[in-house]
Amino acid sequence: MALVLFHDSLKPSGQRILMIFINTLILLFAILIITIGGFKLALSARQEFSALLGIPRSLVYAMAPISGIFIILAQIINLYEDVTGTKIE
């Protein structure tokens, strides 16, 4: 809510810069923490098995880097839209 109030108080050029900055931060977080960190977590759990499912925990932890890739793709689209001003449908 506070970010929306700050966003609305800026001029259009300031709003654009703010959105590019926010989308870049989200992109960096998705790359460094979710994708790379999730990949390392999945690799570290290769030898452990889930007691309930009987599958390696690395398969469960593999959801983090997979979702990170989707977040990265979405943020690249958001950055493209913010920089060019065109909407991708």
N, C-alpha and C. Protein backbone atom coordinates (compact mmCIF):
# COMPACT_ATOMS: atom_id res chain seq x y z
N MET A 1 0.83 -1.18 0.00
CA MET A 1 0.00 0.00 0.00
C MET A 1 0.87 1.25 0.00
N ALA A 2 1.90 1.26 0.84
CA ALA A 2 2.75 2.44 0.92
C ALA A 2 3.50 2.65 -0.39
N LEU A 3 3.91 1.56 -1.03
CA LEU A 3 4.61 1.69 -2.31
C LEU A 3 3.69 2.28 -3.37
N VAL A 4 2.42 1.91 -3.36
CA VAL A 4 1.47 2.46 -4.33
C VAL A 4 1.30 3.96 -4.10
N LEU A 5 1.24 4.37 -2.84
CA LEU A 5 1.12 5.80 -2.55
C LEU A 5 2.36 6.55 -3.01
N PHE A 6 3.52 5.97 -2.80
CA PHE A 6 4.77 6.58 -3.26
C PHE A 6 4.82 6.61 -4.78
N HIS A 7 4.42 5.51 -5.41
CA HIS A 7 4.40 5.40 -6.87
C HIS A 7 3.48 6.45 -7.48
N ASP A 8 2.30 6.62 -6.89
CA ASP A 8 1.33 7.57 -7.43
C ASP A 8 1.74 9.02 -7.23
N SER A 9 2.60 9.27 -6.25
CA SER A 9 3.02 10.66 -6.00
C SER A 9 4.12 11.12 -6.94
N LEU A 10 4.70 10.20 -7.72
CA LEU A 10 5.78 10.55 -8.63
C LEU A 10 5.23 10.97 -10.00
N LYS A 11 6.09 11.67 -10.74
CA LYS A 11 5.76 12.00 -12.13
C LYS A 11 5.89 10.73 -12.96
N PRO A 12 5.32 10.70 -14.17
CA PRO A 12 5.39 9.48 -15.00
C PRO A 12 6.81 8.98 -15.25
N SER A 13 7.77 9.87 -15.44
CA SER A 13 9.15 9.41 -15.65
C SER A 13 9.71 8.79 -14.38
N GLY A 14 9.37 9.34 -13.23
CA GLY A 14 9.80 8.76 -11.96
C GLY A 14 9.14 7.42 -11.69
N GLN A 15 7.86 7.30 -12.07
CA GLN A 15 7.17 6.02 -11.93
C GLN A 15 7.84 4.94 -12.76
N ARG A 16 8.24 5.32 -13.97
CA ARG A 16 8.89 4.36 -14.87
C ARG A 16 10.22 3.90 -14.29
N ILE A 17 11.02 4.84 -13.78
CA ILE A 17 12.31 4.49 -13.18
C ILE A 17 12.11 3.62 -11.95
N LEU A 18 11.12 3.95 -11.13
CA LEU A 18 10.84 3.15 -9.94
C LEU A 18 10.46 1.72 -10.31
N MET A 19 9.62 1.56 -11.33
CA MET A 19 9.19 0.21 -11.73
C MET A 19 10.35 -0.59 -12.32
N ILE A 20 11.23 0.07 -13.07
CA ILE A 20 12.41 -0.61 -13.60
C ILE A 20 13.31 -1.06 -12.46
N PHE A 21 13.49 -0.21 -11.46
CA PHE A 21 14.31 -0.55 -10.30
C PHE A 21 13.73 -1.73 -9.53
N ILE A 22 12.42 -1.71 -9.28
CA ILE A 22 11.77 -2.78 -8.53
C ILE A 22 11.84 -4.09 -9.31
N ASN A 23 11.55 -4.05 -10.61
CA ASN A 23 11.61 -5.27 -11.42
C ASN A 23 13.02 -5.83 -11.52
N THR A 24 14.03 -4.96 -11.53
CA THR A 24 15.41 -5.42 -11.54
C THR A 24 15.77 -6.10 -10.23
N LEU A 25 15.31 -5.55 -9.11
CA LEU A 25 15.56 -6.18 -7.82
C LEU A 25 14.90 -7.56 -7.74
N ILE A 26 13.69 -7.67 -8.22
CA ILE A 26 12.99 -8.96 -8.21
C ILE A 26 13.71 -9.95 -9.11
N LEU A 27 14.19 -9.49 -10.26
CA LEU A 27 14.94 -10.36 -11.17
C LEU A 27 16.22 -10.87 -10.52
N LEU A 28 16.97 -9.99 -9.86
CA LEU A 28 18.19 -10.41 -9.17
C LEU A 28 17.89 -11.40 -8.06
N PHE A 29 16.82 -11.16 -7.30
CA PHE A 29 16.43 -12.08 -6.24
C PHE A 29 16.07 -13.45 -6.82
N ALA A 30 15.34 -13.45 -7.91
CA ALA A 30 14.94 -14.72 -8.52
C ALA A 30 16.15 -15.49 -9.04
N ILE A 31 17.12 -14.77 -9.60
CA ILE A 31 18.31 -15.45 -10.13
C ILE A 31 19.17 -15.97 -8.99
N LEU A 32 19.52 -15.09 -8.06
CA LEU A 32 20.51 -15.45 -7.04
C LEU A 32 19.95 -16.36 -5.95
N ILE A 33 18.80 -16.04 -5.43
CA ILE A 33 18.28 -16.77 -4.27
C ILE A 33 17.44 -17.96 -4.69
N ILE A 34 16.43 -17.73 -5.50
CA ILE A 34 15.49 -18.81 -5.80
C ILE A 34 16.11 -19.84 -6.75
N THR A 35 16.71 -19.38 -7.85
CA THR A 35 17.21 -20.33 -8.84
C THR A 35 18.54 -20.96 -8.41
N ILE A 36 19.55 -20.14 -8.15
CA ILE A 36 20.86 -20.70 -7.80
C ILE A 36 20.83 -21.35 -6.42
N GLY A 37 20.23 -20.67 -5.44
CA GLY A 37 20.11 -21.25 -4.10
C GLY A 37 19.26 -22.50 -4.09
N GLY A 38 18.17 -22.50 -4.84
CA GLY A 38 17.31 -23.69 -4.92
C GLY A 38 18.01 -24.85 -5.60
N PHE A 39 18.83 -24.55 -6.61
CA PHE A 39 19.59 -25.60 -7.28
C PHE A 39 20.60 -26.23 -6.33
N LYS A 40 21.29 -25.39 -5.54
CA LYS A 40 22.24 -25.91 -4.55
C LYS A 40 21.53 -26.73 -3.48
N LEU A 41 20.36 -26.29 -3.06
CA LEU A 41 19.59 -27.02 -2.06
C LEU A 41 19.15 -28.38 -2.61
N ALA A 42 18.70 -28.40 -3.85
CA ALA A 42 18.29 -29.67 -4.45
C ALA A 42 19.47 -30.62 -4.59
N LEU A 43 20.62 -30.09 -4.95
CA LEU A 43 21.80 -30.95 -5.06
C LEU A 43 22.25 -31.50 -3.71
N SER A 44 22.09 -30.69 -2.67
CA SER A 44 22.53 -31.15 -1.34
C SER A 44 21.60 -32.22 -0.77
N ALA A 45 20.41 -32.35 -1.28
CA ALA A 45 19.44 -33.32 -0.74
C ALA A 45 19.30 -34.54 -1.64
N ARG A 46 20.31 -34.83 -2.45
CA ARG A 46 20.22 -35.97 -3.38
C ARG A 46 20.06 -37.31 -2.68
N GLN A 47 20.74 -37.49 -1.57
CA GLN A 47 20.78 -38.79 -0.92
C GLN A 47 19.65 -38.98 0.10
N GLU A 48 18.88 -37.96 0.39
CA GLU A 48 17.79 -38.06 1.35
C GLU A 48 16.50 -38.43 0.63
N PHE A 49 15.70 -39.26 1.27
CA PHE A 49 14.43 -39.66 0.70
C PHE A 49 13.29 -39.19 1.58
N SER A 50 12.20 -38.84 0.97
CA SER A 50 11.01 -38.44 1.69
C SER A 50 10.38 -39.67 2.32
N ALA A 51 10.09 -39.61 3.61
CA ALA A 51 9.53 -40.75 4.31
C ALA A 51 8.12 -41.06 3.82
N LEU A 52 7.37 -40.06 3.51
CA LEU A 52 5.98 -40.25 3.10
C LEU A 52 5.87 -40.68 1.64
N LEU A 53 6.58 -40.01 0.76
CA LEU A 53 6.44 -40.29 -0.67
C LEU A 53 7.42 -41.34 -1.19
N GLY A 54 8.54 -41.49 -0.52
CA GLY A 54 9.54 -42.46 -0.96
C GLY A 54 10.33 -42.00 -2.17
N ILE A 55 10.33 -40.71 -2.44
CA ILE A 55 11.10 -40.17 -3.56
C ILE A 55 12.23 -39.31 -3.00
N PRO A 56 13.28 -39.09 -3.77
CA PRO A 56 14.35 -38.23 -3.28
C PRO A 56 13.86 -36.81 -2.99
N ARG A 57 14.35 -36.25 -1.91
CA ARG A 57 13.95 -34.88 -1.57
C ARG A 57 14.41 -33.88 -2.61
N SER A 58 15.42 -34.23 -3.37
CA SER A 58 15.89 -33.31 -4.41
C SER A 58 14.79 -33.05 -5.45
N LEU A 59 13.91 -34.02 -5.67
CA LEU A 59 12.79 -33.79 -6.59
C LEU A 59 11.81 -32.77 -6.02
N VAL A 60 11.61 -32.83 -4.71
CA VAL A 60 10.72 -31.87 -4.07
C VAL A 60 11.36 -30.48 -4.10
N TYR A 61 12.66 -30.41 -3.77
CA TYR A 61 13.36 -29.14 -3.75
C TYR A 61 13.62 -28.58 -5.14
N ALA A 62 13.47 -29.38 -6.16
CA ALA A 62 13.67 -28.91 -7.53
C ALA A 62 12.60 -27.91 -7.96
N MET A 63 11.53 -27.82 -7.20
CA MET A 63 10.49 -26.85 -7.53
C MET A 63 10.99 -25.41 -7.38
N ALA A 64 11.96 -25.18 -6.50
CA ALA A 64 12.48 -23.82 -6.32
C ALA A 64 13.17 -23.31 -7.59
N PRO A 65 14.16 -24.03 -8.14
CA PRO A 65 14.78 -23.48 -9.35
C PRO A 65 13.84 -23.44 -10.56
N ILE A 66 12.91 -24.37 -10.62
CA ILE A 66 11.96 -24.36 -11.73
C ILE A 66 11.07 -23.12 -11.64
N SER A 67 10.55 -22.84 -10.44
CA SER A 67 9.73 -21.64 -10.29
C SER A 67 10.57 -20.38 -10.46
N GLY A 68 11.84 -20.42 -10.07
CA GLY A 68 12.73 -19.29 -10.28
C GLY A 68 12.89 -18.95 -11.75
N ILE A 69 12.96 -19.98 -12.58
CA ILE A 69 13.08 -19.75 -14.03
C ILE A 69 11.83 -19.06 -14.57
N PHE A 70 10.65 -19.47 -14.10
CA PHE A 70 9.42 -18.83 -14.55
C PHE A 70 9.34 -17.38 -14.07
N ILE A 71 9.81 -17.12 -12.84
CA ILE A 71 9.83 -15.75 -12.32
C ILE A 71 10.79 -14.90 -13.15
N ILE A 72 11.94 -15.46 -13.51
CA ILE A 72 12.91 -14.74 -14.34
C ILE A 72 12.30 -14.36 -15.68
N LEU A 73 11.61 -15.31 -16.31
CA LEU A 73 10.97 -15.02 -17.59
C LEU A 73 9.92 -13.92 -17.46
N ALA A 74 9.12 -13.97 -16.39
CA ALA A 74 8.09 -12.96 -16.18
C ALA A 74 8.72 -11.59 -15.94
N GLN A 75 9.82 -11.55 -15.20
CA GLN A 75 10.46 -10.27 -14.92
C GLN A 75 11.14 -9.70 -16.16
N ILE A 76 11.67 -10.55 -17.02
CA ILE A 76 12.25 -10.06 -18.27
C ILE A 76 11.16 -9.40 -19.12
N ILE A 77 9.99 -10.03 -19.16
CA ILE A 77 8.87 -9.43 -19.89
C ILE A 77 8.46 -8.11 -19.26
N ASN A 78 8.38 -8.06 -17.92
CA ASN A 78 8.02 -6.82 -17.23
C ASN A 78 9.04 -5.71 -17.50
N LEU A 79 10.33 -6.05 -17.46
CA LEU A 79 11.36 -5.06 -17.75
C LEU A 79 11.27 -4.56 -19.19
N TYR A 80 11.03 -5.47 -20.12
CA TYR A 80 10.88 -5.07 -21.52
C TYR A 80 9.71 -4.10 -21.68
N GLU A 81 8.60 -4.41 -21.02
CA GLU A 81 7.43 -3.54 -21.11
C GLU A 81 7.71 -2.18 -20.48
N ASP A 82 8.43 -2.16 -19.35
CA ASP A 82 8.73 -0.90 -18.69
C ASP A 82 9.69 -0.04 -19.50
N VAL A 83 10.68 -0.65 -20.12
CA VAL A 83 11.68 0.10 -20.87
C VAL A 83 11.10 0.62 -22.19
N THR A 84 10.38 -0.26 -22.91
CA THR A 84 9.88 0.14 -24.23
C THR A 84 8.53 0.84 -24.17
N GLY A 85 7.75 0.60 -23.15
CA GLY A 85 6.43 1.18 -23.05
C GLY A 85 5.37 0.42 -23.82
N THR A 86 5.71 -0.74 -24.37
CA THR A 86 4.73 -1.56 -25.10
C THR A 86 4.28 -2.70 -24.20
N LYS A 87 3.08 -3.17 -24.44
CA LYS A 87 2.52 -4.28 -23.68
C LYS A 87 2.59 -5.55 -24.50
N ILE A 88 3.02 -6.65 -23.87
CA ILE A 88 3.05 -7.95 -24.51
C ILE A 88 1.81 -8.71 -24.05
N GLU A 89 1.03 -9.18 -24.97
CA GLU A 89 -0.20 -9.90 -24.62
C GLU A 89 -0.04 -11.36 -24.92
